[in-house]
């Protein structure tokens, strides 16, 4: 088991870690309650729309839950979401929560993945030094929001399949009206 130590010297990181932990706990409980593991790959799944049932019967919230798999490549899920009409939710604090935004650091290191992450992944909200990333998407048509927690190398945000080192760990969907 990994141990993470937080200091009161960095309250933003401590708050982000608390939110991340709460999301992991809630999602873990939901996944444990579901208790099933399904087979198949993300590349075979349909785009994830959460609108009401269509004539084909494929665009439901349960379709979303069926398509997301723990350890699937972040890029595969991201592609399905965007093709399904989900929109990235931009976090105005992304740069601070990802790179500890320092204009000089990012100005001097334009090639640093952390300095480009918020532009490349508008859905990104936070990325910790230990590899956990939080991102959010909305489906405004259905009034749904999806929070994703992934783990790995942020520079693999757009690498699909088995080659990706950024993998989905946890997820939580909710009604948009339930968000603060």
N, C-alpha and C. Protein backbone atom coordinates (compact mmCIF):
# COMPACT_ATOMS: atom_id res chain seq x y z
N UNK A 1 0.85 -1.18 0.00
CA UNK A 1 0.00 0.00 0.00
C UNK A 1 0.89 1.24 0.00
N UNK A 2 0.61 2.18 -0.86
CA UNK A 2 1.35 3.43 -0.92
C UNK A 2 0.91 4.36 0.18
N UNK A 3 1.84 5.12 0.71
CA UNK A 3 1.53 6.10 1.73
C UNK A 3 1.78 7.48 1.18
N UNK A 4 0.83 8.36 1.36
CA UNK A 4 0.95 9.73 0.89
C UNK A 4 0.92 10.64 2.11
N UNK A 5 1.88 11.53 2.20
CA UNK A 5 1.95 12.45 3.32
C UNK A 5 1.65 13.86 2.82
N UNK A 6 0.71 14.53 3.48
CA UNK A 6 0.33 15.89 3.10
C UNK A 6 0.75 16.85 4.20
N UNK A 7 1.04 18.04 3.80
CA UNK A 7 1.48 19.08 4.73
C UNK A 7 0.51 20.25 4.68
N UNK A 8 0.33 20.92 5.81
CA UNK A 8 -0.54 22.08 5.84
C UNK A 8 0.07 23.27 5.10
N UNK A 9 1.32 23.13 4.65
CA UNK A 9 1.97 24.20 3.89
C UNK A 9 1.37 24.33 2.49
N UNK A 10 0.65 23.33 2.02
CA UNK A 10 0.06 23.34 0.69
C UNK A 10 -1.43 23.04 0.79
N UNK A 11 -2.23 24.02 1.24
CA UNK A 11 -3.66 23.75 1.46
C UNK A 11 -4.42 23.38 0.19
N UNK A 12 -4.01 23.88 -0.98
CA UNK A 12 -4.72 23.53 -2.22
C UNK A 12 -4.52 22.06 -2.54
N UNK A 13 -3.30 21.57 -2.34
CA UNK A 13 -3.04 20.15 -2.59
C UNK A 13 -3.79 19.29 -1.59
N UNK A 14 -3.84 19.73 -0.33
CA UNK A 14 -4.54 18.98 0.70
C UNK A 14 -6.03 18.92 0.39
N UNK A 15 -6.62 20.03 -0.04
CA UNK A 15 -8.04 20.06 -0.38
C UNK A 15 -8.31 19.18 -1.60
N UNK A 16 -7.45 19.27 -2.62
CA UNK A 16 -7.62 18.44 -3.82
C UNK A 16 -7.51 16.97 -3.48
N UNK A 17 -6.58 16.63 -2.58
CA UNK A 17 -6.42 15.23 -2.17
C UNK A 17 -7.65 14.74 -1.42
N UNK A 18 -8.24 15.61 -0.60
CA UNK A 18 -9.45 15.23 0.14
C UNK A 18 -10.60 14.97 -0.81
N UNK A 19 -10.77 15.82 -1.80
CA UNK A 19 -11.83 15.63 -2.79
C UNK A 19 -11.58 14.36 -3.58
N UNK A 20 -10.33 14.14 -3.98
CA UNK A 20 -9.97 12.94 -4.72
C UNK A 20 -10.25 11.69 -3.89
N UNK A 21 -9.85 11.70 -2.62
CA UNK A 21 -10.08 10.55 -1.75
C UNK A 21 -11.56 10.28 -1.59
N UNK A 22 -12.34 11.33 -1.39
CA UNK A 22 -13.78 11.16 -1.25
C UNK A 22 -14.38 10.55 -2.52
N UNK A 23 -13.94 11.04 -3.68
CA UNK A 23 -14.42 10.50 -4.95
C UNK A 23 -14.03 9.04 -5.12
N UNK A 24 -12.81 8.69 -4.73
CA UNK A 24 -12.36 7.31 -4.83
C UNK A 24 -13.18 6.42 -3.91
N UNK A 25 -13.43 6.88 -2.69
CA UNK A 25 -14.20 6.08 -1.75
C UNK A 25 -15.63 5.87 -2.23
N UNK A 26 -16.27 6.95 -2.69
CA UNK A 26 -17.65 6.85 -3.17
C UNK A 26 -17.71 5.94 -4.39
N UNK A 27 -16.81 6.15 -5.34
CA UNK A 27 -16.81 5.33 -6.55
C UNK A 27 -16.50 3.88 -6.24
N UNK A 28 -15.57 3.65 -5.32
CA UNK A 28 -15.23 2.29 -4.93
C UNK A 28 -16.40 1.57 -4.31
N UNK A 29 -17.17 2.28 -3.49
CA UNK A 29 -18.36 1.68 -2.89
C UNK A 29 -19.38 1.34 -3.96
N UNK A 30 -19.57 2.23 -4.92
CA UNK A 30 -20.54 1.98 -5.99
C UNK A 30 -20.12 0.79 -6.84
N UNK A 31 -18.80 0.72 -7.15
CA UNK A 31 -18.33 -0.38 -7.97
C UNK A 31 -18.41 -1.70 -7.20
N UNK A 32 -18.11 -1.69 -5.90
CA UNK A 32 -18.20 -2.89 -5.09
C UNK A 32 -19.64 -3.36 -5.02
N UNK A 33 -20.56 -2.42 -4.86
CA UNK A 33 -21.97 -2.78 -4.80
C UNK A 33 -22.43 -3.38 -6.12
N UNK A 34 -21.91 -2.87 -7.21
CA UNK A 34 -22.28 -3.40 -8.52
C UNK A 34 -21.76 -4.83 -8.66
N UNK A 35 -20.54 -5.05 -8.16
CA UNK A 35 -19.96 -6.37 -8.06
C UNK A 35 -19.78 -7.16 -9.34
N UNK A 36 -19.87 -6.54 -10.46
CA UNK A 36 -19.71 -7.32 -11.68
C UNK A 36 -18.61 -6.74 -12.52
N UNK A 37 -17.95 -7.62 -13.21
CA UNK A 37 -16.90 -7.21 -14.12
C UNK A 37 -17.31 -7.66 -15.50
N UNK A 38 -17.31 -6.76 -16.47
CA UNK A 38 -17.73 -7.17 -17.79
C UNK A 38 -16.55 -7.24 -18.73
N UNK A 39 -16.72 -7.98 -19.79
CA UNK A 39 -15.64 -8.14 -20.74
C UNK A 39 -15.87 -7.27 -21.96
N UNK A 40 -14.85 -7.23 -22.82
CA UNK A 40 -14.95 -6.43 -24.03
C UNK A 40 -13.99 -5.26 -23.95
N UNK A 41 -13.70 -4.67 -25.07
CA UNK A 41 -12.76 -3.56 -25.07
C UNK A 41 -13.48 -2.26 -25.38
N UNK A 42 -12.86 -1.17 -24.96
CA UNK A 42 -13.45 0.15 -25.18
C UNK A 42 -13.53 0.47 -26.66
N UNK A 43 -12.61 -0.07 -27.44
CA UNK A 43 -12.62 0.25 -28.86
C UNK A 43 -13.85 -0.33 -29.55
N UNK A 44 -14.51 -1.34 -28.94
CA UNK A 44 -15.71 -1.91 -29.52
C UNK A 44 -16.97 -1.24 -29.01
N UNK A 45 -16.86 -0.41 -27.99
CA UNK A 45 -18.03 0.21 -27.38
C UNK A 45 -18.55 1.34 -28.26
N UNK A 46 -19.81 1.67 -28.06
CA UNK A 46 -20.43 2.79 -28.78
C UNK A 46 -20.15 4.08 -28.04
N UNK A 47 -20.26 5.22 -28.73
CA UNK A 47 -20.13 6.51 -28.04
C UNK A 47 -21.11 6.58 -26.87
N UNK A 48 -20.69 7.28 -25.82
CA UNK A 48 -21.45 7.30 -24.59
C UNK A 48 -22.37 8.49 -24.50
N UNK A 49 -23.60 8.30 -24.86
CA UNK A 49 -24.60 9.34 -24.72
C UNK A 49 -25.52 8.94 -23.57
N UNK A 50 -26.01 9.92 -22.82
CA UNK A 50 -26.89 9.59 -21.71
C UNK A 50 -28.29 10.10 -21.94
N UNK A 51 -28.62 10.40 -23.18
CA UNK A 51 -29.97 10.85 -23.46
C UNK A 51 -30.93 9.69 -23.20
N UNK A 52 -32.22 9.99 -23.18
CA UNK A 52 -33.20 8.94 -22.89
C UNK A 52 -33.15 7.86 -23.96
N UNK A 53 -33.77 6.75 -23.66
CA UNK A 53 -33.74 5.59 -24.53
C UNK A 53 -34.17 5.96 -25.95
N UNK A 54 -33.40 5.52 -26.92
CA UNK A 54 -33.74 5.75 -28.32
C UNK A 54 -34.40 4.50 -28.87
N UNK A 55 -34.81 4.58 -30.12
CA UNK A 55 -35.42 3.41 -30.77
C UNK A 55 -34.47 2.22 -30.76
N UNK A 56 -33.18 2.49 -30.87
CA UNK A 56 -32.21 1.40 -30.87
C UNK A 56 -31.95 0.89 -29.45
N UNK A 57 -32.28 1.69 -28.42
CA UNK A 57 -32.11 1.26 -27.05
C UNK A 57 -30.68 1.30 -26.55
N UNK A 58 -29.79 2.05 -27.22
CA UNK A 58 -28.38 1.99 -26.83
C UNK A 58 -27.88 3.20 -26.07
N UNK A 59 -28.62 4.31 -26.05
CA UNK A 59 -28.10 5.54 -25.47
C UNK A 59 -28.68 5.81 -24.09
N UNK A 60 -28.32 5.00 -23.12
CA UNK A 60 -28.83 5.15 -21.77
C UNK A 60 -27.68 5.37 -20.79
N UNK A 61 -28.03 5.79 -19.59
CA UNK A 61 -27.02 5.96 -18.54
C UNK A 61 -26.35 4.63 -18.25
N UNK A 62 -27.11 3.53 -18.29
CA UNK A 62 -26.50 2.23 -18.02
C UNK A 62 -25.47 1.90 -19.09
N UNK A 63 -25.67 2.38 -20.32
CA UNK A 63 -24.68 2.18 -21.37
C UNK A 63 -23.35 2.82 -20.96
N UNK A 64 -23.40 3.98 -20.34
CA UNK A 64 -22.21 4.65 -19.84
C UNK A 64 -21.52 3.78 -18.82
N UNK A 65 -22.26 3.28 -17.84
CA UNK A 65 -21.67 2.46 -16.80
C UNK A 65 -21.11 1.16 -17.36
N UNK A 66 -21.75 0.61 -18.38
CA UNK A 66 -21.27 -0.63 -18.99
C UNK A 66 -20.00 -0.43 -19.79
N UNK A 67 -19.82 0.74 -20.38
CA UNK A 67 -18.68 0.99 -21.26
C UNK A 67 -17.41 1.34 -20.50
N UNK A 68 -17.54 1.95 -19.35
CA UNK A 68 -16.35 2.35 -18.58
C UNK A 68 -15.81 1.13 -17.85
N UNK A 69 -14.53 0.90 -18.02
CA UNK A 69 -13.86 -0.22 -17.37
C UNK A 69 -12.65 0.28 -16.58
N UNK A 70 -12.48 -0.24 -15.40
CA UNK A 70 -11.28 0.08 -14.62
C UNK A 70 -10.07 -0.36 -15.44
N UNK A 71 -9.06 0.45 -15.45
CA UNK A 71 -7.80 0.21 -16.16
C UNK A 71 -7.87 0.38 -17.67
N UNK A 72 -9.01 0.85 -18.22
CA UNK A 72 -9.03 1.14 -19.64
C UNK A 72 -8.21 2.40 -19.91
N UNK A 73 -7.71 2.53 -21.11
CA UNK A 73 -6.92 3.70 -21.48
C UNK A 73 -7.79 4.95 -21.40
N UNK A 74 -7.26 6.00 -20.79
CA UNK A 74 -7.98 7.26 -20.68
C UNK A 74 -8.40 7.76 -22.07
N UNK A 75 -7.51 7.66 -23.05
CA UNK A 75 -7.80 8.15 -24.40
C UNK A 75 -9.00 7.43 -25.02
N UNK A 76 -9.13 6.14 -24.74
CA UNK A 76 -10.26 5.38 -25.30
C UNK A 76 -11.58 5.89 -24.73
N UNK A 77 -11.63 6.10 -23.42
CA UNK A 77 -12.85 6.60 -22.80
C UNK A 77 -13.13 8.03 -23.24
N UNK A 78 -12.11 8.85 -23.29
CA UNK A 78 -12.27 10.25 -23.71
C UNK A 78 -12.88 10.32 -25.11
N UNK A 79 -12.39 9.49 -26.01
CA UNK A 79 -12.91 9.47 -27.38
C UNK A 79 -14.39 9.07 -27.39
N UNK A 80 -14.76 8.05 -26.63
CA UNK A 80 -16.15 7.62 -26.57
C UNK A 80 -17.06 8.72 -26.02
N UNK A 81 -16.58 9.40 -25.00
CA UNK A 81 -17.37 10.48 -24.40
C UNK A 81 -17.60 11.61 -25.40
N UNK A 82 -16.55 12.08 -26.02
CA UNK A 82 -16.66 13.20 -26.95
C UNK A 82 -17.53 12.82 -28.15
N UNK A 83 -17.35 11.61 -28.68
CA UNK A 83 -18.19 11.16 -29.80
C UNK A 83 -19.65 11.04 -29.38
N UNK A 84 -19.90 10.79 -28.09
CA UNK A 84 -21.25 10.66 -27.58
C UNK A 84 -21.89 11.98 -27.19
N UNK A 85 -21.19 13.08 -27.44
CA UNK A 85 -21.77 14.40 -27.16
C UNK A 85 -21.40 14.98 -25.80
N UNK A 86 -20.58 14.29 -25.04
CA UNK A 86 -20.13 14.83 -23.75
C UNK A 86 -19.14 15.96 -24.02
N UNK A 87 -19.15 16.98 -23.18
CA UNK A 87 -18.28 18.13 -23.34
C UNK A 87 -17.33 18.25 -22.16
N UNK A 88 -16.06 18.57 -22.42
CA UNK A 88 -15.12 18.78 -21.33
C UNK A 88 -15.56 19.95 -20.44
N UNK A 89 -15.37 19.82 -19.14
CA UNK A 89 -15.66 20.89 -18.20
C UNK A 89 -14.33 21.53 -17.83
N UNK A 90 -14.17 22.78 -18.22
CA UNK A 90 -12.92 23.49 -17.97
C UNK A 90 -12.87 23.99 -16.52
N UNK A 91 -11.77 23.71 -15.85
CA UNK A 91 -11.55 24.15 -14.47
C UNK A 91 -10.61 25.35 -14.49
N UNK A 92 -11.07 26.53 -14.04
CA UNK A 92 -10.23 27.72 -14.09
C UNK A 92 -8.97 27.60 -13.22
N UNK A 93 -8.95 26.67 -12.28
CA UNK A 93 -7.79 26.47 -11.41
C UNK A 93 -6.88 25.34 -11.90
N UNK A 94 -7.11 24.84 -13.09
CA UNK A 94 -6.35 23.71 -13.60
C UNK A 94 -4.84 23.93 -13.54
N UNK A 95 -4.36 25.03 -14.08
CA UNK A 95 -2.92 25.28 -14.13
C UNK A 95 -2.29 25.22 -12.74
N UNK A 96 -2.95 25.78 -11.75
CA UNK A 96 -2.43 25.77 -10.38
C UNK A 96 -2.45 24.35 -9.82
N UNK A 97 -3.53 23.61 -10.09
CA UNK A 97 -3.70 22.28 -9.53
C UNK A 97 -2.92 21.21 -10.28
N UNK A 98 -2.42 21.53 -11.45
CA UNK A 98 -1.67 20.56 -12.23
C UNK A 98 -0.17 20.83 -12.16
N UNK A 99 0.23 22.03 -12.48
CA UNK A 99 1.66 22.35 -12.55
C UNK A 99 2.11 23.22 -11.39
N UNK A 100 1.20 23.53 -10.45
CA UNK A 100 1.56 24.47 -9.39
C UNK A 100 1.90 25.79 -10.04
N UNK A 101 1.18 26.11 -11.07
CA UNK A 101 1.47 27.14 -12.05
C UNK A 101 2.37 28.26 -11.55
N UNK A 102 3.49 28.29 -12.14
CA UNK A 102 4.48 29.33 -11.93
C UNK A 102 4.82 29.83 -13.33
N UNK A 103 4.47 31.08 -13.61
CA UNK A 103 4.68 31.62 -14.96
C UNK A 103 6.11 31.42 -15.43
N UNK A 104 7.07 31.58 -14.53
CA UNK A 104 8.47 31.43 -14.92
C UNK A 104 8.79 29.98 -15.25
N UNK A 105 8.32 29.05 -14.40
CA UNK A 105 8.60 27.63 -14.65
C UNK A 105 8.03 27.20 -15.98
N UNK A 106 6.77 27.48 -16.23
CA UNK A 106 6.15 27.07 -17.49
C UNK A 106 6.66 27.90 -18.66
N UNK A 107 7.00 29.15 -18.43
CA UNK A 107 7.55 29.99 -19.49
C UNK A 107 8.91 29.49 -19.95
N UNK A 108 9.71 29.00 -19.00
CA UNK A 108 11.04 28.49 -19.31
C UNK A 108 11.03 27.05 -19.80
N UNK A 109 9.92 26.35 -19.58
CA UNK A 109 9.84 24.92 -19.92
C UNK A 109 8.58 24.62 -20.71
N UNK A 110 8.44 25.25 -21.86
CA UNK A 110 7.24 25.08 -22.68
C UNK A 110 6.98 23.61 -23.03
N UNK A 111 8.02 22.79 -23.06
CA UNK A 111 7.87 21.39 -23.44
C UNK A 111 7.47 20.51 -22.25
N UNK A 112 7.43 21.06 -21.06
CA UNK A 112 7.05 20.29 -19.87
C UNK A 112 5.59 19.87 -20.00
N UNK A 113 5.33 18.57 -19.93
CA UNK A 113 3.97 18.04 -20.14
C UNK A 113 2.97 18.69 -19.19
N UNK A 114 3.35 18.94 -17.96
CA UNK A 114 2.42 19.54 -17.00
C UNK A 114 2.02 20.95 -17.39
N UNK A 115 2.91 21.67 -18.06
CA UNK A 115 2.59 23.04 -18.46
C UNK A 115 1.63 23.09 -19.65
N UNK A 116 1.55 22.02 -20.42
CA UNK A 116 0.64 21.96 -21.57
C UNK A 116 -0.64 21.20 -21.28
N UNK A 117 -0.69 20.48 -20.18
CA UNK A 117 -1.78 19.54 -19.90
C UNK A 117 -3.16 20.20 -19.92
N UNK A 118 -3.30 21.37 -19.31
CA UNK A 118 -4.62 22.01 -19.24
C UNK A 118 -5.12 22.48 -20.60
N UNK A 119 -4.22 22.83 -21.48
CA UNK A 119 -4.61 23.23 -22.84
C UNK A 119 -4.98 22.02 -23.67
N UNK A 120 -4.22 20.94 -23.53
CA UNK A 120 -4.47 19.74 -24.31
C UNK A 120 -5.71 18.99 -23.83
N UNK A 121 -5.95 19.02 -22.54
CA UNK A 121 -7.07 18.31 -21.92
C UNK A 121 -7.95 19.32 -21.20
N UNK A 122 -8.84 20.00 -21.89
CA UNK A 122 -9.64 21.03 -21.23
C UNK A 122 -10.49 20.47 -20.08
N UNK A 123 -10.71 19.17 -20.05
CA UNK A 123 -11.49 18.54 -18.98
C UNK A 123 -10.67 18.30 -17.71
N UNK A 124 -9.37 18.48 -17.78
CA UNK A 124 -8.49 18.20 -16.64
C UNK A 124 -8.73 19.21 -15.53
N UNK A 125 -8.81 18.70 -14.31
CA UNK A 125 -9.02 19.56 -13.15
C UNK A 125 -7.79 19.55 -12.25
N UNK A 126 -7.20 18.37 -12.05
CA UNK A 126 -6.05 18.26 -11.15
C UNK A 126 -5.19 17.08 -11.56
N UNK A 127 -3.90 17.18 -11.25
CA UNK A 127 -2.95 16.09 -11.47
C UNK A 127 -1.95 16.15 -10.34
N UNK A 128 -1.81 15.06 -9.62
CA UNK A 128 -0.91 15.05 -8.47
C UNK A 128 0.45 14.49 -8.84
N UNK A 129 1.42 14.77 -8.00
CA UNK A 129 2.78 14.29 -8.23
C UNK A 129 2.88 12.77 -8.20
N UNK A 130 1.90 12.10 -7.60
CA UNK A 130 1.94 10.64 -7.55
C UNK A 130 1.16 9.99 -8.69
N UNK A 131 0.69 10.80 -9.67
CA UNK A 131 0.12 10.25 -10.89
C UNK A 131 -1.39 10.19 -10.98
N UNK A 132 -2.12 10.72 -10.01
CA UNK A 132 -3.58 10.70 -10.08
C UNK A 132 -4.09 11.97 -10.76
N UNK A 133 -5.01 11.80 -11.69
CA UNK A 133 -5.60 12.93 -12.42
C UNK A 133 -7.11 12.90 -12.24
N UNK A 134 -7.70 14.09 -12.13
CA UNK A 134 -9.15 14.22 -12.04
C UNK A 134 -9.60 15.04 -13.24
N UNK A 135 -10.63 14.55 -13.92
CA UNK A 135 -11.19 15.28 -15.05
C UNK A 135 -12.71 15.16 -15.02
N UNK A 136 -13.36 16.11 -15.72
CA UNK A 136 -14.83 16.16 -15.70
C UNK A 136 -15.38 16.41 -17.10
N UNK A 137 -16.54 15.78 -17.35
CA UNK A 137 -17.28 15.96 -18.59
C UNK A 137 -18.74 16.19 -18.24
N UNK A 138 -19.44 16.94 -19.10
CA UNK A 138 -20.89 17.16 -18.96
C UNK A 138 -21.60 16.69 -20.22
N UNK A 139 -22.79 16.15 -20.01
CA UNK A 139 -23.71 15.92 -21.11
C UNK A 139 -24.88 16.86 -20.84
N UNK A 140 -24.84 18.04 -21.44
CA UNK A 140 -25.84 19.07 -21.16
C UNK A 140 -27.23 18.65 -21.61
N UNK A 141 -27.32 17.84 -22.66
CA UNK A 141 -28.62 17.39 -23.15
C UNK A 141 -29.36 16.56 -22.10
N UNK A 142 -28.61 15.74 -21.39
CA UNK A 142 -29.22 14.85 -20.40
C UNK A 142 -29.09 15.38 -18.97
N UNK A 143 -28.37 16.49 -18.80
CA UNK A 143 -28.19 17.05 -17.46
C UNK A 143 -27.33 16.16 -16.57
N UNK A 144 -26.30 15.56 -17.15
CA UNK A 144 -25.42 14.65 -16.42
C UNK A 144 -24.00 15.17 -16.40
N UNK A 145 -23.28 14.82 -15.35
CA UNK A 145 -21.86 15.12 -15.27
C UNK A 145 -21.12 13.83 -14.93
N UNK A 146 -19.89 13.74 -15.37
CA UNK A 146 -19.07 12.56 -15.13
C UNK A 146 -17.72 13.00 -14.62
N UNK A 147 -17.34 12.47 -13.47
CA UNK A 147 -16.02 12.75 -12.90
C UNK A 147 -15.17 11.49 -13.06
N UNK A 148 -13.99 11.66 -13.63
CA UNK A 148 -13.07 10.55 -13.84
C UNK A 148 -11.82 10.74 -13.01
N UNK A 149 -11.33 9.67 -12.43
CA UNK A 149 -10.04 9.66 -11.76
C UNK A 149 -9.19 8.65 -12.53
N UNK A 150 -8.07 9.12 -13.02
CA UNK A 150 -7.17 8.24 -13.76
C UNK A 150 -5.81 8.25 -13.07
N UNK A 151 -5.00 7.29 -13.46
CA UNK A 151 -3.68 7.16 -12.84
C UNK A 151 -2.66 6.86 -13.93
N UNK A 152 -1.52 7.54 -13.84
CA UNK A 152 -0.43 7.26 -14.76
C UNK A 152 0.26 8.50 -15.25
N UNK A 153 0.81 8.39 -16.44
CA UNK A 153 1.59 9.46 -17.05
C UNK A 153 0.67 10.39 -17.84
N UNK A 154 0.58 11.65 -17.42
CA UNK A 154 -0.33 12.61 -18.04
C UNK A 154 -0.02 12.81 -19.52
N UNK A 155 1.23 12.64 -19.91
CA UNK A 155 1.57 12.82 -21.32
C UNK A 155 0.94 11.76 -22.23
N UNK A 156 0.36 10.72 -21.64
CA UNK A 156 -0.32 9.68 -22.43
C UNK A 156 -1.83 9.93 -22.51
N UNK A 157 -2.27 11.15 -22.28
CA UNK A 157 -3.69 11.47 -22.29
C UNK A 157 -4.37 11.11 -23.61
N UNK A 158 -3.62 11.05 -24.69
CA UNK A 158 -4.21 10.78 -26.01
C UNK A 158 -3.66 9.50 -26.64
N UNK A 159 -3.10 8.61 -25.82
CA UNK A 159 -2.56 7.34 -26.31
C UNK A 159 -3.60 6.25 -26.06
N UNK A 160 -4.15 5.67 -27.12
CA UNK A 160 -5.19 4.65 -26.93
C UNK A 160 -4.62 3.26 -26.65
N UNK A 161 -5.49 2.39 -26.18
CA UNK A 161 -5.18 0.97 -26.07
C UNK A 161 -4.13 0.60 -25.05
N UNK A 162 -3.49 -0.54 -25.31
CA UNK A 162 -2.55 -1.12 -24.36
C UNK A 162 -1.28 -0.30 -24.18
N UNK A 163 -0.97 0.57 -25.15
CA UNK A 163 0.25 1.37 -25.06
C UNK A 163 0.13 2.53 -24.08
N UNK A 164 -1.08 2.87 -23.67
CA UNK A 164 -1.29 4.02 -22.79
C UNK A 164 -0.82 3.73 -21.37
N UNK A 165 -0.17 4.73 -20.79
CA UNK A 165 0.24 4.64 -19.39
C UNK A 165 -0.65 5.53 -18.51
N UNK A 166 -1.79 5.97 -19.04
CA UNK A 166 -2.79 6.72 -18.27
C UNK A 166 -4.08 5.92 -18.31
N UNK A 167 -4.47 5.39 -17.17
CA UNK A 167 -5.57 4.44 -17.07
C UNK A 167 -6.66 4.94 -16.15
N UNK A 168 -7.90 4.56 -16.44
CA UNK A 168 -9.05 4.92 -15.62
C UNK A 168 -9.00 4.12 -14.33
N UNK A 169 -9.14 4.80 -13.22
CA UNK A 169 -9.19 4.16 -11.90
C UNK A 169 -10.60 4.16 -11.32
N UNK A 170 -11.23 5.31 -11.32
CA UNK A 170 -12.55 5.48 -10.70
C UNK A 170 -13.38 6.43 -11.54
N UNK A 171 -14.70 6.39 -11.38
CA UNK A 171 -15.60 7.30 -12.07
C UNK A 171 -16.87 7.45 -11.26
N UNK A 172 -17.52 8.58 -11.49
CA UNK A 172 -18.78 8.87 -10.80
C UNK A 172 -19.63 9.74 -11.70
N UNK A 173 -20.86 9.32 -11.94
CA UNK A 173 -21.77 10.14 -12.72
C UNK A 173 -22.85 10.68 -11.79
N UNK A 174 -23.36 11.86 -12.13
CA UNK A 174 -24.39 12.50 -11.30
C UNK A 174 -25.20 13.43 -12.16
N UNK A 175 -26.35 13.83 -11.63
CA UNK A 175 -27.15 14.86 -12.28
C UNK A 175 -26.41 16.17 -12.15
N UNK A 176 -26.43 16.98 -13.21
CA UNK A 176 -25.75 18.27 -13.19
C UNK A 176 -26.33 19.15 -12.08
N UNK A 177 -27.62 19.07 -11.82
CA UNK A 177 -28.25 19.89 -10.79
C UNK A 177 -27.72 19.54 -9.40
N UNK A 178 -27.13 18.36 -9.22
CA UNK A 178 -26.60 17.95 -7.93
C UNK A 178 -25.21 18.51 -7.68
N UNK A 179 -24.60 19.13 -8.69
CA UNK A 179 -23.25 19.68 -8.56
C UNK A 179 -23.30 21.05 -7.92
N UNK A 180 -22.20 21.40 -7.23
CA UNK A 180 -22.16 22.74 -6.61
C UNK A 180 -21.67 23.77 -7.52
